[in-house]
C-alpha atoms as a PDB file:
ATOM      1  CA  MET A   1     141.990  95.198 131.860  1.00  0.00           C
ATOM      2  CA  ALA A   2     142.403  95.145 128.510  1.00  0.00           C
ATOM      3  CA  LYS A   3     140.423  92.053 127.637  1.00  0.00           C
ATOM      4  CA  TRP A   4     137.551  93.258 130.273  1.00  0.00           C
ATOM      5  CA  ASN A   5     137.288  97.002 128.033  1.00  0.00           C
ATOM      6  CA  LEU A   6     137.580  95.080 124.879  1.00  0.00           C
ATOM      7  CA  GLY A   7     134.460  92.696 125.683  1.00  0.00           C
ATOM      8  CA  ILE A   8     132.818  95.728 127.274  1.00  0.00           C
ATOM      9  CA  LYS A   9     133.072  97.447 123.707  1.00  0.00           C
ATOM     10  CA  VAL A  10     131.644  94.341 121.797  1.00  0.00           C
ATOM     11  CA  ILE A  11     128.788  94.037 124.092  1.00  0.00           C
ATOM     12  CA  ILE A  12     128.039  97.979 123.541  1.00  0.00           C
ATOM     13  CA  HIS A  13     128.507  97.736 120.096  1.00  0.00           C
ATOM     14  CA  GLU A  14     126.179  94.475 119.531  1.00  0.00           C
ATOM     15  CA  ASN A  15     123.396  96.385 121.739  1.00  0.00           C
ATOM     16  CA  LYS A  16     123.612  99.264 119.270  1.00  0.00           C
ATOM     17  CA  GLN A  17     123.354  97.031 116.446  1.00  0.00           C
ATOM     18  CA  LYS A  18     119.948  95.057 117.828  1.00  0.00           C
ATOM     19  CA  GLU A  19     118.427  98.752 119.091  1.00  0.00           C
ATOM     20  CA  ARG A  20     119.137  99.690 115.607  1.00  0.00           C
ATOM     21  CA  GLU A  21     117.508  96.597 113.938  1.00  0.00           C
ATOM     22  CA  PHE A  22     114.604  96.691 116.374  1.00  0.00           C
ATOM     23  CA  ARG A  23     114.075 100.758 115.483  1.00  0.00           C
ATOM     24  CA  SER A  24     114.254  99.684 111.833  1.00  0.00           C
ATOM     25  CA  ILE A  25     111.752  96.885 112.556  1.00  0.00           C
ATOM     26  CA  ARG A  26     109.370  99.212 114.444  1.00  0.00           C
ATOM     27  CA  LEU A  27     109.393 101.998 111.965  1.00  0.00           C
ATOM     28  CA  PHE A  28     108.882  99.431 109.135  1.00  0.00           C
ATOM     29  CA  TRP A  29     105.809  97.896 111.149  1.00  0.00           C
ATOM     30  CA  LYS A  30     104.345 101.522 111.690  1.00  0.00           C
ATOM     31  CA  MET A  31     104.350 102.171 107.855  1.00  0.00           C
ATOM     32  CA  PHE A  32     102.914  98.976 107.001  1.00  0.00           C
ATOM     33  CA  LEU A  33     100.034  99.145 109.694  1.00  0.00           C
ATOM     34  CA  SER A  34      98.927 102.276 108.771  1.00  0.00           C
ATOM     35  CA  LEU A  35      98.995 101.307 104.930  1.00  0.00           C
ATOM     36  CA  LEU A  36      97.283  97.982 105.714  1.00  0.00           C
ATOM     37  CA  PHE A  37      94.555 100.135 108.025  1.00  0.00           C
ATOM     38  CA  ILE A  38      93.575 102.376 105.076  1.00  0.00           C
ATOM     39  CA  LEU A  39      93.565  99.838 102.741  1.00  0.00           C
ATOM     40  CA  THR A  40      90.646  97.655 105.219  1.00  0.00           C
ATOM     41  CA  ILE A  41      88.789 101.112 105.289  1.00  0.00           C
ATOM     42  CA  SER A  42      88.967 101.358 101.561  1.00  0.00           C
ATOM     43  CA  THR A  43      87.683  97.714 101.373  1.00  0.00           C
ATOM     44  CA  ILE A  44      85.109  98.121 103.595  1.00  0.00           C
ATOM     45  CA  ALA A  45      83.765 101.356 102.307  1.00  0.00           C
ATOM     46  CA  THR A  46      84.062  99.640  98.796  1.00  0.00           C
ATOM     47  CA  MET A  47      81.867  96.567 100.181  1.00  0.00           C
ATOM     48  CA  SER A  48      79.240  98.847 101.729  1.00  0.00           C
ATOM     49  CA  THR A  49      78.813 100.958  98.884  1.00  0.00           C
ATOM     50  CA  ALA A  50      78.613  97.495  96.406  1.00  0.00           C
ATOM     51  CA  HIS A  51      75.788  96.248  98.927  1.00  0.00           C
ATOM     52  CA  TYR A  52      74.087  99.416  99.128  1.00  0.00           C
ATOM     53  CA  PHE A  53      73.557  99.685  95.301  1.00  0.00           C
ATOM     54  CA  ASN A  54      72.791  95.890  94.927  1.00  0.00           C
ATOM     55  CA  THR A  55      70.438  96.097  97.182  1.00  0.00           C
ATOM     56  CA  GLU A  56      68.828  99.012  95.512  1.00  0.00           C
ATOM     57  CA  LYS A  57      68.727  97.007  92.420  1.00  0.00           C
ATOM     58  CA  ILE A  58      67.505  93.830  93.827  1.00  0.00           C
ATOM     59  CA  LYS A  59      64.447  95.873  94.842  1.00  0.00           C
ATOM     60  CA  LYS A  60      63.701  97.794  91.715  1.00  0.00           C
ATOM     61  CA  TYR A  61      64.031  94.590  90.050  1.00  0.00           C
ATOM     62  CA  THR A  62      61.370  92.468  92.241  1.00  0.00           C
ATOM     63  CA  ASP A  63      59.346  95.679  91.994  1.00  0.00           C
ATOM     64  CA  HIS A  64      59.369  95.457  87.943  1.00  0.00           C
ATOM     65  CA  LEU A  65      58.605  91.620  88.148  1.00  0.00           C
ATOM     66  CA  MET A  66      56.280  91.533  90.849  1.00  0.00           C
ATOM     67  CA  ASN A  67      54.235  94.664  88.999  1.00  0.00           C
ATOM     68  CA  ALA A  68      54.805  92.873  85.582  1.00  0.00           C
ATOM     69  CA  SER A  69      53.098  89.665  87.286  1.00  0.00           C
ATOM     70  CA  ALA A  70      50.316  91.706  88.606  1.00  0.00           C
ATOM     71  CA  PRO A  71      47.439  89.809  86.681  1.00  0.00           C
ATOM     72  CA  LEU A  72      48.802  86.359  87.494  1.00  0.00           C
ATOM     73  CA  ILE A  73      48.587  87.678  91.097  1.00  0.00           C
ATOM     74  CA  VAL A  74      45.569  89.223  91.313  1.00  0.00           C
ATOM     75  CA  ASP A  75      43.927  85.830  89.819  1.00  0.00           C
ATOM     76  CA  SER A  76      45.541  83.624  92.291  1.00  0.00           C
ATOM     77  CA  ILE A  77      45.229  85.757  95.173  1.00  0.00           C
ATOM     78  CA  LEU A  78      42.096  87.707  95.149  1.00  0.00           C
ATOM     79  CA  TYR A  79      40.207  85.614  93.152  1.00  0.00           C
ATOM     80  CA  SER A  80      41.483  82.529  94.985  1.00  0.00           C
ATOM     81  CA  ASN A  81      42.338  80.941  91.350  1.00  0.00           C
ATOM     82  CA  THR A  82      44.307  77.827  92.337  1.00  0.00           C
ATOM     83  CA  ASP A  83      45.948  77.155  88.852  1.00  0.00           C
ATOM     84  CA  SER A  84      47.277  80.648  88.671  1.00  0.00           C
ATOM     85  CA  SER A  85      48.535  80.155  92.609  1.00  0.00           C
ATOM     86  CA  ILE A  86      50.327  76.952  91.181  1.00  0.00           C
ATOM     87  CA  GLU A  87      51.668  78.895  87.937  1.00  0.00           C
ATOM     88  CA  LEU A  88      52.585  82.036  90.340  1.00  0.00           C
ATOM     89  CA  ASN A  89      54.900  79.683  92.820  1.00  0.00           C
ATOM     90  CA  ARG A  90      56.120  78.100  89.619  1.00  0.00           C
ATOM     91  CA  MET A  91      57.117  81.249  88.482  1.00  0.00           C
ATOM     92  CA  LEU A  92      59.307  82.510  91.652  1.00  0.00           C
ATOM     93  CA  SER A  93      60.720  78.917  92.028  1.00  0.00           C
ATOM     94  CA  ASN A  94      62.259  80.176  88.665  1.00  0.00           C
ATOM     95  CA  TYR A  95      64.633  82.686  90.677  1.00  0.00           C
ATOM     96  CA  PRO A  96      66.649  80.545  93.533  1.00  0.00           C
ATOM     97  CA  GLU A  97      67.654  83.776  95.097  1.00  0.00           C
ATOM     98  CA  TYR A  98      64.032  84.296  96.828  1.00  0.00           C
ATOM     99  CA  LEU A  99      64.130  82.532  99.901  1.00  0.00           C
ATOM    100  CA  LEU A 100      60.618  83.657 100.963  1.00  0.00           C
ATOM    101  CA  VAL A 101      58.033  85.879  99.644  1.00  0.00           C
ATOM    102  CA  TYR A 102      54.301  86.724 101.684  1.00  0.00           C
ATOM    103  CA  PHE A 103      51.575  88.396 100.205  1.00  0.00           C
ATOM    104  CA  TYR A 104      49.483  90.633 102.769  1.00  0.00           C
ATOM    105  CA  ASP A 105      46.221  91.927 102.572  1.00  0.00           C
ATOM    106  CA  SER A 106      45.150  95.492 103.773  1.00  0.00           C
ATOM    107  CA  ASN A 107      45.044  93.852 107.516  1.00  0.00           C
ATOM    108  CA  ASN A 108      48.613  92.699 107.048  1.00  0.00           C
ATOM    109  CA  LYS A 109      47.307  89.207 107.510  1.00  0.00           C
ATOM    110  CA  ILE A 110      49.591  86.636 104.985  1.00  0.00           C
ATOM    111  CA  ILE A 111      47.155  85.480 102.302  1.00  0.00           C
ATOM    112  CA  HIS A 112      49.256  83.713  99.870  1.00  0.00           C
ATOM    113  CA  ALA A 113      53.279  82.420 101.009  1.00  0.00           C
ATOM    114  CA  TYR A 114      56.023  81.167  98.807  1.00  0.00           C
ATOM    115  CA  HIS A 115      59.357  79.290 100.056  1.00  0.00           C
ATOM    116  CA  SER A 116      62.024  77.714  98.158  1.00  0.00           C
ATOM    117  CA  MET A 117      63.108  74.463  98.270  1.00  0.00           C
ATOM    118  CA  SER A 118      65.941  75.204 100.466  1.00  0.00           C
ATOM    119  CA  LEU A 119      64.246  76.440 103.071  1.00  0.00           C
ATOM    120  CA  THR A 120      61.452  74.971 105.554  1.00  0.00           C
ATOM    121  CA  PRO A 121      58.466  76.996 105.301  1.00  0.00           C
ATOM    122  CA  LYS A 122      58.296  79.878 108.735  1.00  0.00           C
ATOM    123  CA  ASP A 123      56.389  81.982 110.246  1.00  0.00           C
ATOM    124  CA  HIS A 124      56.964  86.075 109.152  1.00  0.00           C
ATOM    125  CA  ALA A 125      59.366  86.428 112.029  1.00  0.00           C
ATOM    126  CA  ALA A 126      61.481  84.075 109.702  1.00  0.00           C
ATOM    127  CA  ILE A 127      62.171  87.156 107.785  1.00  0.00           C
ATOM    128  CA  ARG A 128      63.566  89.269 110.376  1.00  0.00           C
ATOM    129  CA  THR A 129      65.347  86.074 111.727  1.00  0.00           C
ATOM    130  CA  ASP A 130      67.354  85.336 108.826  1.00  0.00           C
ATOM    131  CA  VAL A 131      68.562  88.752 107.848  1.00  0.00           C
ATOM    132  CA  LEU A 132      71.435  87.960 110.470  1.00  0.00           C
ATOM    133  CA  LYS A 133      72.023  85.109 108.575  1.00  0.00           C
ATOM    134  CA  GLY A 134      73.343  87.335 105.356  1.00  0.00           C
ATOM    135  CA  ASN A 135      70.179  87.726 103.765  1.00  0.00           C
ATOM    136  CA  TYR A 136      68.100  90.462 102.410  1.00  0.00           C
ATOM    137  CA  ALA A 137      64.723  91.206 103.611  1.00  0.00           C
ATOM    138  CA  PHE A 138      62.731  94.109 102.321  1.00  0.00           C
ATOM    139  CA  HIS A 139      59.197  95.211 101.815  1.00  0.00           C
ATOM    140  CA  SER A 140      56.827  96.781  98.924  1.00  0.00           C
ATOM    141  CA  ALA A 141      53.622  96.597  97.207  1.00  0.00           C
ATOM    142  CA  VAL A 142      52.088  95.146  93.697  1.00  0.00           C
ATOM    143  CA  LEU A 143      51.089  98.061  91.517  1.00  0.00           C
ATOM    144  CA  TYR A 144      48.279  97.668  89.380  1.00  0.00           C
ATOM    145  CA  ASP A 145      47.378 100.408  87.047  1.00  0.00           C
ATOM    146  CA  GLY A 146      49.718 102.408  89.413  1.00  0.00           C
ATOM    147  CA  LYS A 147      47.817 101.717  92.514  1.00  0.00           C
ATOM    148  CA  PRO A 148      48.846  99.312  95.539  1.00  0.00           C
ATOM    149  CA  ILE A 149      46.815  96.420  95.669  1.00  0.00           C
ATOM    150  CA  ILE A 150      48.789  93.753  97.589  1.00  0.00           C
ATOM    151  CA  LYS A 151      52.066  94.297  99.996  1.00  0.00           C
ATOM    152  CA  TYR A 152      54.851  91.297 100.107  1.00  0.00           C
ATOM    153  CA  SER A 153      57.724  90.671 101.798  1.00  0.00           C
ATOM    154  CA  VAL A 154      60.531  88.861 100.435  1.00  0.00           C
ATOM    155  CA  LEU A 155      63.496  87.033 101.844  1.00  0.00           C
ATOM    156  CA  TYR A 156      66.440  87.171  99.436  1.00  0.00           C
ATOM    157  CA  ASP A 157      69.415  85.011  99.466  1.00  0.00           C
ATOM    158  CA  MET A 158      72.671  87.269  99.064  1.00  0.00           C
ATOM    159  CA  SER A 159      75.204  84.688  99.316  1.00  0.00           C
ATOM    160  CA  LEU A 160      75.628  84.598  95.324  1.00  0.00           C
ATOM    161  CA  PHE A 161      75.972  88.775  95.866  1.00  0.00           C
ATOM    162  CA  PHE A 162      78.551  88.028  98.587  1.00  0.00           C
ATOM    163  CA  ASP A 163      80.459  85.584  96.943  1.00  0.00           C
ATOM    164  CA  GLY A 164      80.479  87.906  93.651  1.00  0.00           C
ATOM    165  CA  VAL A 165      81.914  91.215  95.584  1.00  0.00           C
ATOM    166  CA  PHE A 166      84.321  88.885  97.711  1.00  0.00           C
ATOM    167  CA  PHE A 167      86.045  87.823  94.307  1.00  0.00           C
ATOM    168  CA  GLN A 168      85.826  91.155  92.980  1.00  0.00           C
ATOM    169  CA  VAL A 169      87.236  93.027  95.941  1.00  0.00           C
ATOM    170  CA  LEU A 170      89.954  90.012  95.843  1.00  0.00           C
ATOM    171  CA  LEU A 171      90.775  90.575  92.136  1.00  0.00           C
ATOM    172  CA  LEU A 172      91.273  94.434  92.974  1.00  0.00           C
ATOM    173  CA  ILE A 173      93.084  94.396  96.001  1.00  0.00           C
ATOM    174  CA  THR A 174      95.581  91.364  95.226  1.00  0.00           C
ATOM    175  CA  PRO A 175      97.565  93.915  93.207  1.00  0.00           C
ATOM    176  CA  PHE A 176      97.494  96.785  95.603  1.00  0.00           C
ATOM    177  CA  LEU A 177      98.870  93.872  98.348  1.00  0.00           C
ATOM    178  CA  LEU A 178     101.820  93.232  95.891  1.00  0.00           C
ATOM    179  CA  CYS A 179     102.539  97.089  95.467  1.00  0.00           C
ATOM    180  CA  LEU A 180     102.641  97.755  99.128  1.00  0.00           C
ATOM    181  CA  PHE A 181     104.896  94.876  99.524  1.00  0.00           C
ATOM    182  CA  MET A 182     107.379  96.105  97.075  1.00  0.00           C
ATOM    183  CA  ILE A 183     106.574 100.128  98.381  1.00  0.00           C
ATOM    184  CA  MET A 184     107.770  98.304 101.952  1.00  0.00           C
ATOM    185  CA  LEU A 185     110.584  96.890 100.647  1.00  0.00           C
ATOM    186  CA  TYR A 186     111.992  99.975  98.832  1.00  0.00           C
ATOM    187  CA  LEU A 187     110.783 102.200 101.828  1.00  0.00           C
ATOM    188  CA  LYS A 188     113.178  99.408 104.126  1.00  0.00           C
ATOM    189  CA  LYS A 189     116.296  99.436 102.110  1.00  0.00           C
ATOM    190  CA  ARG A 190     116.387 102.706 100.424  1.00  0.00           C
ATOM    191  CA  ILE A 191     114.749 105.363 103.354  1.00  0.00           C
ATOM    192  CA  ILE A 192     114.318 103.321 107.117  1.00  0.00           C
ATOM    193  CA  GLU A 193     117.736 101.936 107.035  1.00  0.00           C
ATOM    194  CA  PRO A 194     119.513 104.665 105.729  1.00  0.00           C
ATOM    195  CA  ILE A 195     117.716 107.074 108.104  1.00  0.00           C
ATOM    196  CA  ASN A 196     118.520 105.148 110.840  1.00  0.00           C
ATOM    197  CA  SER A 197     122.192 104.655 110.158  1.00  0.00           C
ATOM    198  CA  ILE A 198     122.308 108.631 110.159  1.00  0.00           C
ATOM    199  CA  ILE A 199     120.566 108.402 113.607  1.00  0.00           C
ATOM    200  CA  GLU A 200     123.439 105.968 114.665  1.00  0.00           C
ATOM    201  CA  HIS A 201     125.872 108.532 113.876  1.00  0.00           C
ATOM    202  CA  LEU A 202     124.175 111.948 115.670  1.00  0.00           C
ATOM    203  CA  PRO A 203     125.977 111.485 118.840  1.00  0.00           C
ATOM    204  CA  HIS A 204     129.341 111.413 117.143  1.00  0.00           C
ATOM    205  CA  MET A 205     128.718 114.601 115.490  1.00  0.00           C
ATOM    206  CA  GLY A 206     132.097 116.811 115.596  1.00  0.00           C
ATOM    207  CA  SER A 207     134.537 113.931 115.779  1.00  0.00           C
ATOM    208  CA  ASN A 208     134.625 113.839 112.271  1.00  0.00           C
ATOM    209  CA  VAL A 209     134.420 109.987 111.780  1.00  0.00           C
ATOM    210  CA  ILE A 210     130.833 109.984 110.771  1.00  0.00           C
ATOM    211  CA  ASP A 211     130.428 107.216 107.734  1.00  0.00           C
ATOM    212  CA  ILE A 212     127.889 107.403 105.377  1.00  0.00           C
ATOM    213  CA  ARG A 213     128.730 104.450 102.967  1.00  0.00           C
ATOM    214  CA  GLU A 214     125.507 102.678 104.184  1.00  0.00           C
ATOM    215  CA  CYS A 215     123.817 105.675 102.612  1.00  0.00           C
ATOM    216  CA  LYS A 216     125.277 105.276  99.170  1.00  0.00           C
ATOM    217  CA  ASP A 217     122.270 103.310  97.660  1.00  0.00           C
ATOM    218  CA  ALA A 218     119.679 105.631  99.837  1.00  0.00           C
ATOM    219  CA  GLU A 219     116.815 107.628  97.987  1.00  0.00           C
ATOM    220  CA  GLU A 220     118.530 110.929  96.668  1.00  0.00           C
ATOM    221  CA  GLU A 221     117.396 113.044  99.400  1.00  0.00           C
ATOM    222  CA  VAL A 222     118.224 110.744 102.422  1.00  0.00           C
ATOM    223  CA  TYR A 223     121.572 110.729 100.664  1.00  0.00           C
ATOM    224  CA  LEU A 224     121.884 114.443 100.339  1.00  0.00           C
ATOM    225  CA  LEU A 225     121.174 114.842 103.767  1.00  0.00           C
ATOM    226  CA  ALA A 226     123.401 112.296 105.087  1.00  0.00           C
ATOM    227  CA  ASN A 227     125.997 114.202 103.123  1.00  0.00           C
ATOM    228  CA  GLU A 228     125.273 117.732 104.752  1.00  0.00           C
ATOM    229  CA  ILE A 229     125.461 116.073 108.079  1.00  0.00           C
ATOM    230  CA  LYS A 230     128.951 114.677 107.087  1.00  0.00           C
ATOM    231  CA  LYS A 231     129.972 117.962 106.045  1.00  0.00           C
ATOM    232  CA  ALA A 232     128.909 119.679 109.452  1.00  0.00           C
ATOM    233  CA  ASP A 233     130.439 116.671 111.434  1.00  0.00           C
ATOM    234  CA  SER A 234     133.754 118.025 109.470  1.00  0.00           C
ATOM    235  CA  CYS A 235     132.974 121.527 109.695  1.00  0.00           C
ATOM    236  CA  ILE A 236     132.228 121.265 113.670  1.00  0.00           C
ATOM    237  CA  TYR A 237     135.496 118.659 113.870  1.00  0.00           C
ATOM    238  CA  HIS A 238     137.921 121.487 112.327  1.00  0.00           C
ATOM    239  CA  ASN A 239     136.179 124.429 113.997  1.00  0.00           C
ATOM    240  CA  ASP A 240     136.781 122.880 117.210  1.00  0.00           C
ATOM    241  CA  ARG A 241     140.564 121.722 116.347  1.00  0.00           C
ATOM    242  CA  LYS A 242     141.479 125.645 115.573  1.00  0.00           C
ATOM    243  CA  LEU A 243     139.819 126.487 118.520  1.00  0.00           C
ATOM    244  CA  ARG A 244     141.876 124.456 120.809  1.00  0.00           C
ATOM    245  CA  GLU A 245     145.108 125.597 118.889  1.00  0.00           C
ATOM    246  CA  VAL A 246     144.045 129.141 119.436  1.00  0.00           C
ATOM    247  CA  ASN A 247     142.836 128.362 123.215  1.00  0.00           C
ATOM    248  CA  ARG A 248     146.534 126.512 123.492  1.00  0.00           C
ATOM    249  CA  ALA A 249     148.435 129.511 121.803  1.00  0.00           C
ATOM    250  CA  LEU A 250     147.204 132.243 124.266  1.00  0.00           C
ATOM    251  CA  ILE A 251     147.488 129.762 127.099  1.00  0.00           C
ATOM    252  CA  ASN A 252     151.455 129.925 126.140  1.00  0.00           C
ATOM    253  CA  LYS A 253     151.367 133.339 125.838  1.00  0.00           C
ATOM    254  CA  THR A 254     149.914 133.977 129.216  1.00  0.00           C
ATOM    255  CA  HIS A 255     153.017 131.610 130.817  1.00  0.00           C
ATOM    256  CA  GLU A 256     155.231 133.650 128.709  1.00  0.00           C
ATOM    257  CA  LEU A 257     153.783 136.874 129.493  1.00  0.00           C
ATOM    258  CA  ASN A 258     153.518 135.723 133.258  1.00  0.00           C
ATOM    259  CA  LYS A 259     157.392 134.666 133.105  1.00  0.00           C
END
């Protein structure tokens, strides 16, 4: 019978230990996933903001390039100058990030097209299709003497941009991830595990057996909480013992009076 009782106590102790470890791991992962979610949202917001400002910068730069090249564009397109057309394409080929450039007349008909050597010439629908592949398409107009003379569409290769942004974000979040890892270890050792130890002892309040030695390395506030619980446990135990002694004395006195 004694062996059975001992075995049951061992099983109960092991179950409590497993439950404690599971509770600690669960709390740890809750905090980790919460911080990771915040990091993910921050990263997405950073990349979205960087994408917006860079695309605006690309549009302004392209507008400036086209407006500065307005005389060449007029000669090559409006006056059908072959040498100017070759020069225009040569000028655009110096910018490999421009995959497609289409120029339109007032009726939205293509009057000149440039495509990068890395891209097969396609119709205007290709601009909309390739946007889904990570490229950026936009439309604007060439200004000459402050007036729009020719409309154009551009398909811009964003691969270099994405590589640069990804590398920059990686450099930014790597220290944060290391800090996050160290913070989680600190929380686990100095807060989560001591709090779980306190929770495990709460059912024994009033028995004067609560042990706070596992909380000696905990954060100061956690240790103070454990110490207050230890004092409350001792106070409840001694008050209960005094009440039992008073109750026993009253019972004895009652027996004496009954005699």
